[in-house]
């Protein structure tokens, strides 16, 4: 199997295209993808639209399950397309590192 046979970004579709959750401030927040390694979620991407564009935050869970998760971001993008590209690249890197990509919170 070549590396290009293993890529699942086309199988899963573009990041940022699925689940919508209402937030207290009324903005839509989208839980886009999670990366799971050894049966446990390690990274979850969330994106939301604001008047100025789209923001993405990453929830990163350390290998030690008793350690708290870290929230990185939010990262601001001028458009959904830019945010989606960022998410796709991040998920592709995690897939190369052996993680399974899943929809939602994982």
N, C-alpha and C. Protein backbone atom coordinates (compact mmCIF):
# COMPACT_ATOMS: atom_id res chain seq x y z
N UNK A 1 0.85 -1.18 0.00
CA UNK A 1 0.00 0.00 0.00
C UNK A 1 0.89 1.24 0.00
N UNK A 2 0.63 2.11 -0.91
CA UNK A 2 1.40 3.35 -0.95
C UNK A 2 0.78 4.36 0.00
N UNK A 3 1.55 5.39 0.44
CA UNK A 3 0.99 6.41 1.33
C UNK A 3 -0.26 7.07 0.76
N UNK A 4 -0.33 7.25 -0.55
CA UNK A 4 -1.51 7.90 -1.11
C UNK A 4 -2.75 7.02 -1.02
N UNK A 5 -2.56 5.68 -0.94
CA UNK A 5 -3.70 4.78 -0.77
C UNK A 5 -4.28 4.88 0.63
N UNK A 6 -3.49 5.32 1.59
CA UNK A 6 -3.90 5.35 2.98
C UNK A 6 -4.63 6.63 3.37
N UNK A 7 -4.50 7.69 2.59
CA UNK A 7 -5.09 8.97 2.96
C UNK A 7 -6.60 8.88 2.99
N UNK A 8 -7.19 9.46 4.05
CA UNK A 8 -8.64 9.37 4.17
C UNK A 8 -9.33 10.72 4.07
N UNK A 9 -8.60 11.80 3.76
CA UNK A 9 -9.24 13.11 3.72
C UNK A 9 -10.36 13.13 2.68
N UNK A 10 -10.20 12.42 1.57
CA UNK A 10 -11.29 12.36 0.61
C UNK A 10 -12.39 11.44 1.09
N UNK A 11 -12.05 10.41 1.83
CA UNK A 11 -13.04 9.48 2.37
C UNK A 11 -13.94 10.17 3.38
N UNK A 12 -13.35 10.99 4.24
CA UNK A 12 -14.11 11.66 5.28
C UNK A 12 -14.79 12.93 4.81
N UNK A 13 -14.35 13.49 3.73
CA UNK A 13 -14.90 14.77 3.28
C UNK A 13 -14.16 15.90 3.95
N UNK A 14 -14.46 17.14 3.58
CA UNK A 14 -13.73 18.28 4.13
C UNK A 14 -14.06 18.52 5.59
N UNK A 15 -13.06 18.93 6.34
CA UNK A 15 -13.25 19.29 7.73
C UNK A 15 -14.14 20.52 7.77
N UNK A 16 -15.01 20.58 8.75
CA UNK A 16 -15.88 21.74 8.90
C UNK A 16 -17.20 21.61 8.20
N UNK A 17 -17.56 20.41 7.77
CA UNK A 17 -18.77 20.29 6.98
C UNK A 17 -19.89 19.51 7.66
N UNK A 18 -19.75 19.17 8.96
CA UNK A 18 -20.77 18.30 9.51
C UNK A 18 -21.49 18.86 10.73
N UNK A 19 -21.33 18.38 11.88
CA UNK A 19 -22.14 18.56 13.07
C UNK A 19 -22.24 19.99 13.56
N UNK A 20 -23.44 20.48 13.81
CA UNK A 20 -23.66 21.84 14.31
C UNK A 20 -24.20 21.78 15.73
N UNK A 21 -23.66 22.62 16.61
CA UNK A 21 -24.09 22.70 18.00
C UNK A 21 -24.38 24.16 18.32
N UNK A 22 -25.49 24.43 18.99
CA UNK A 22 -25.79 25.80 19.39
C UNK A 22 -24.97 26.16 20.62
N UNK A 23 -24.42 27.36 20.63
CA UNK A 23 -23.64 27.84 21.76
C UNK A 23 -24.41 28.91 22.50
N UNK A 24 -24.06 29.21 23.76
CA UNK A 24 -24.79 30.20 24.53
C UNK A 24 -24.86 31.57 23.88
N UNK A 25 -23.84 31.95 23.13
CA UNK A 25 -23.85 33.28 22.51
C UNK A 25 -24.59 33.31 21.18
N UNK A 26 -25.18 32.18 20.81
CA UNK A 26 -25.99 32.13 19.61
C UNK A 26 -25.22 31.82 18.34
N UNK A 27 -23.91 31.81 18.39
CA UNK A 27 -23.13 31.46 17.20
C UNK A 27 -23.14 29.95 17.04
N UNK A 28 -23.12 29.50 15.82
CA UNK A 28 -23.02 28.07 15.59
C UNK A 28 -21.61 27.60 15.86
N UNK A 29 -21.48 26.46 16.51
CA UNK A 29 -20.16 25.88 16.71
C UNK A 29 -20.19 24.51 16.09
N UNK A 30 -19.19 24.17 15.33
CA UNK A 30 -19.17 22.94 14.59
C UNK A 30 -18.09 22.03 15.17
N UNK A 31 -18.47 20.86 15.64
CA UNK A 31 -17.49 19.86 16.05
C UNK A 31 -17.13 19.11 14.78
N UNK A 32 -15.91 19.27 14.34
CA UNK A 32 -15.58 18.81 13.01
C UNK A 32 -14.96 17.42 12.96
N UNK A 33 -13.88 17.23 13.65
CA UNK A 33 -13.16 15.96 13.58
C UNK A 33 -12.42 15.72 14.89
N UNK A 34 -12.18 14.44 15.13
CA UNK A 34 -11.31 14.05 16.22
C UNK A 34 -10.29 13.06 15.68
N UNK A 35 -9.13 13.04 16.30
CA UNK A 35 -8.10 12.05 16.00
C UNK A 35 -8.01 11.14 17.22
N UNK A 36 -8.08 9.83 16.97
CA UNK A 36 -8.08 8.83 18.03
C UNK A 36 -6.85 7.94 17.85
N UNK A 37 -6.08 7.78 18.91
CA UNK A 37 -4.92 6.88 18.91
C UNK A 37 -5.08 5.88 20.04
N UNK A 38 -4.85 4.62 19.73
CA UNK A 38 -4.96 3.55 20.72
C UNK A 38 -6.30 3.59 21.45
N UNK A 39 -7.36 3.92 20.72
CA UNK A 39 -8.70 3.89 21.28
C UNK A 39 -9.12 5.09 22.09
N UNK A 40 -8.27 6.10 22.21
CA UNK A 40 -8.66 7.29 22.98
C UNK A 40 -8.45 8.54 22.15
N UNK A 41 -9.37 9.51 22.30
CA UNK A 41 -9.23 10.74 21.53
C UNK A 41 -8.01 11.54 21.99
N UNK A 42 -7.27 12.07 21.03
CA UNK A 42 -6.09 12.87 21.36
C UNK A 42 -6.24 14.33 20.91
N UNK A 43 -6.96 14.57 19.82
CA UNK A 43 -7.18 15.93 19.33
C UNK A 43 -8.61 16.04 18.80
N UNK A 44 -9.28 17.13 19.18
CA UNK A 44 -10.60 17.44 18.62
C UNK A 44 -10.55 18.87 18.10
N UNK A 45 -11.00 19.07 16.86
CA UNK A 45 -11.08 20.41 16.26
C UNK A 45 -12.51 20.90 16.35
N UNK A 46 -12.66 22.16 16.75
CA UNK A 46 -13.97 22.80 16.77
C UNK A 46 -13.85 24.11 16.00
N UNK A 47 -14.86 24.42 15.21
CA UNK A 47 -14.83 25.68 14.48
C UNK A 47 -16.15 26.40 14.66
N UNK A 48 -16.10 27.71 14.57
CA UNK A 48 -17.31 28.52 14.69
C UNK A 48 -17.18 29.77 13.87
N UNK A 49 -18.31 30.26 13.39
CA UNK A 49 -18.32 31.47 12.59
C UNK A 49 -18.61 32.67 13.47
N UNK A 50 -17.93 33.76 13.17
CA UNK A 50 -18.20 35.03 13.84
C UNK A 50 -18.36 36.08 12.76
N UNK A 51 -18.67 37.30 13.15
CA UNK A 51 -18.83 38.36 12.16
C UNK A 51 -17.55 38.64 11.39
N UNK A 52 -16.40 38.30 11.97
CA UNK A 52 -15.11 38.61 11.34
C UNK A 52 -14.54 37.44 10.55
N UNK A 53 -15.19 36.29 10.54
CA UNK A 53 -14.66 35.14 9.83
C UNK A 53 -14.94 33.86 10.58
N UNK A 54 -14.00 32.97 10.57
CA UNK A 54 -14.15 31.65 11.20
C UNK A 54 -13.01 31.44 12.18
N UNK A 55 -13.32 30.88 13.35
CA UNK A 55 -12.29 30.54 14.32
C UNK A 55 -12.23 29.03 14.50
N UNK A 56 -11.05 28.54 14.82
CA UNK A 56 -10.83 27.12 15.06
C UNK A 56 -10.09 26.99 16.37
N UNK A 57 -10.53 26.05 17.19
CA UNK A 57 -9.77 25.73 18.40
C UNK A 57 -9.53 24.23 18.42
N UNK A 58 -8.44 23.84 19.04
CA UNK A 58 -8.04 22.45 19.14
C UNK A 58 -8.00 22.05 20.60
N UNK A 59 -8.66 20.96 20.93
CA UNK A 59 -8.57 20.39 22.27
C UNK A 59 -7.59 19.24 22.18
N UNK A 60 -6.48 19.35 22.91
CA UNK A 60 -5.42 18.34 22.86
C UNK A 60 -5.36 17.63 24.20
N UNK A 61 -5.47 16.31 24.15
CA UNK A 61 -5.42 15.50 25.37
C UNK A 61 -4.05 14.83 25.47
N UNK A 62 -3.35 15.04 26.58
CA UNK A 62 -2.01 14.45 26.73
C UNK A 62 -2.09 12.93 26.90
N UNK A 63 -0.96 12.24 26.73
CA UNK A 63 -0.95 10.78 26.87
C UNK A 63 -1.39 10.30 28.26
N UNK A 64 -1.12 11.08 29.28
CA UNK A 64 -1.53 10.72 30.64
C UNK A 64 -3.01 11.07 30.82
N UNK A 65 -3.90 10.07 30.96
CA UNK A 65 -5.33 10.36 31.04
C UNK A 65 -5.72 11.21 32.25
N UNK A 66 -4.89 11.25 33.28
CA UNK A 66 -5.22 12.05 34.45
C UNK A 66 -4.83 13.52 34.27
N UNK A 67 -4.04 13.82 33.25
CA UNK A 67 -3.64 15.21 32.99
C UNK A 67 -4.78 15.94 32.27
N UNK A 68 -4.95 17.22 32.54
CA UNK A 68 -6.04 17.97 31.90
C UNK A 68 -5.76 18.21 30.41
N UNK A 69 -6.85 18.29 29.66
CA UNK A 69 -6.74 18.61 28.24
C UNK A 69 -6.35 20.08 28.09
N UNK A 70 -5.67 20.40 27.02
CA UNK A 70 -5.29 21.79 26.72
C UNK A 70 -6.11 22.28 25.53
N UNK A 71 -6.61 23.49 25.63
CA UNK A 71 -7.32 24.11 24.51
C UNK A 71 -6.36 25.09 23.85
N UNK A 72 -6.08 24.87 22.59
CA UNK A 72 -5.19 25.73 21.82
C UNK A 72 -6.02 26.57 20.86
N UNK A 73 -5.73 27.83 20.81
CA UNK A 73 -6.49 28.75 19.97
C UNK A 73 -7.37 29.61 20.85
N UNK A 74 -8.32 30.27 20.31
CA UNK A 74 -8.81 30.09 18.95
C UNK A 74 -7.90 30.75 17.92
N UNK A 75 -7.87 30.12 16.76
CA UNK A 75 -7.13 30.65 15.62
C UNK A 75 -8.14 31.28 14.69
N UNK A 76 -7.91 32.52 14.28
CA UNK A 76 -8.85 33.26 13.44
C UNK A 76 -8.48 33.13 11.96
N UNK A 77 -9.50 32.90 11.14
CA UNK A 77 -9.32 32.80 9.69
C UNK A 77 -10.34 33.72 9.02
N UNK A 78 -9.97 34.30 7.90
CA UNK A 78 -10.85 35.23 7.20
C UNK A 78 -12.03 34.53 6.55
N UNK A 79 -11.89 33.24 6.25
CA UNK A 79 -12.97 32.52 5.57
C UNK A 79 -13.06 31.08 6.07
N UNK A 80 -14.20 30.46 5.77
CA UNK A 80 -14.37 29.05 6.10
C UNK A 80 -13.38 28.19 5.32
N UNK A 81 -13.08 28.57 4.10
CA UNK A 81 -12.16 27.79 3.27
C UNK A 81 -10.76 27.74 3.90
N UNK A 82 -10.30 28.87 4.44
CA UNK A 82 -8.99 28.90 5.09
C UNK A 82 -9.00 28.04 6.35
N UNK A 83 -10.07 28.13 7.13
CA UNK A 83 -10.18 27.33 8.36
C UNK A 83 -10.24 25.84 8.01
N UNK A 84 -10.97 25.50 6.97
CA UNK A 84 -11.09 24.11 6.54
C UNK A 84 -9.73 23.57 6.09
N UNK A 85 -8.97 24.38 5.36
CA UNK A 85 -7.64 23.96 4.91
C UNK A 85 -6.73 23.69 6.10
N UNK A 86 -6.75 24.57 7.09
CA UNK A 86 -5.97 24.38 8.32
C UNK A 86 -6.35 23.05 8.98
N UNK A 87 -7.64 22.82 9.13
CA UNK A 87 -8.10 21.59 9.78
C UNK A 87 -7.74 20.35 8.99
N UNK A 88 -7.87 20.41 7.67
CA UNK A 88 -7.51 19.27 6.83
C UNK A 88 -6.03 18.93 6.96
N UNK A 89 -5.17 19.95 6.96
CA UNK A 89 -3.72 19.72 7.09
C UNK A 89 -3.38 19.12 8.45
N UNK A 90 -4.00 19.63 9.50
CA UNK A 90 -3.75 19.11 10.85
C UNK A 90 -4.17 17.65 10.94
N UNK A 91 -5.36 17.33 10.45
CA UNK A 91 -5.85 15.96 10.53
C UNK A 91 -5.01 15.01 9.68
N UNK A 92 -4.55 15.49 8.53
CA UNK A 92 -3.69 14.66 7.69
C UNK A 92 -2.39 14.33 8.42
N UNK A 93 -1.80 15.31 9.10
CA UNK A 93 -0.57 15.07 9.87
C UNK A 93 -0.81 14.05 10.97
N UNK A 94 -1.95 14.16 11.66
CA UNK A 94 -2.26 13.20 12.73
C UNK A 94 -2.50 11.80 12.16
N UNK A 95 -3.09 11.73 10.98
CA UNK A 95 -3.29 10.43 10.34
C UNK A 95 -1.94 9.80 9.98
N UNK A 96 -1.01 10.60 9.46
CA UNK A 96 0.34 10.08 9.16
C UNK A 96 1.02 9.56 10.42
N UNK A 97 0.69 10.14 11.57
CA UNK A 97 1.27 9.69 12.84
C UNK A 97 0.57 8.47 13.42
N UNK A 98 -0.43 7.95 12.71
CA UNK A 98 -1.06 6.70 13.13
C UNK A 98 -2.41 6.85 13.81
N UNK A 99 -2.96 8.05 13.83
CA UNK A 99 -4.27 8.25 14.45
C UNK A 99 -5.37 7.90 13.46
N UNK A 100 -6.51 7.48 14.02
CA UNK A 100 -7.71 7.26 13.22
C UNK A 100 -8.54 8.54 13.27
N UNK A 101 -9.09 8.97 12.14
CA UNK A 101 -9.90 10.18 12.09
C UNK A 101 -11.37 9.79 12.18
N UNK A 102 -12.10 10.47 13.06
CA UNK A 102 -13.51 10.16 13.25
C UNK A 102 -14.32 11.46 13.24
N UNK A 103 -15.60 11.35 12.92
CA UNK A 103 -16.50 12.49 12.97
C UNK A 103 -16.87 12.78 14.42
N UNK A 104 -17.09 14.04 14.77
CA UNK A 104 -17.57 14.41 16.09
C UNK A 104 -16.47 14.41 17.15
N UNK A 105 -16.89 14.19 18.39
CA UNK A 105 -15.98 14.27 19.54
C UNK A 105 -15.05 13.09 19.70
N UNK A 106 -15.30 12.00 19.03
CA UNK A 106 -14.41 10.85 19.14
C UNK A 106 -14.72 10.07 20.33
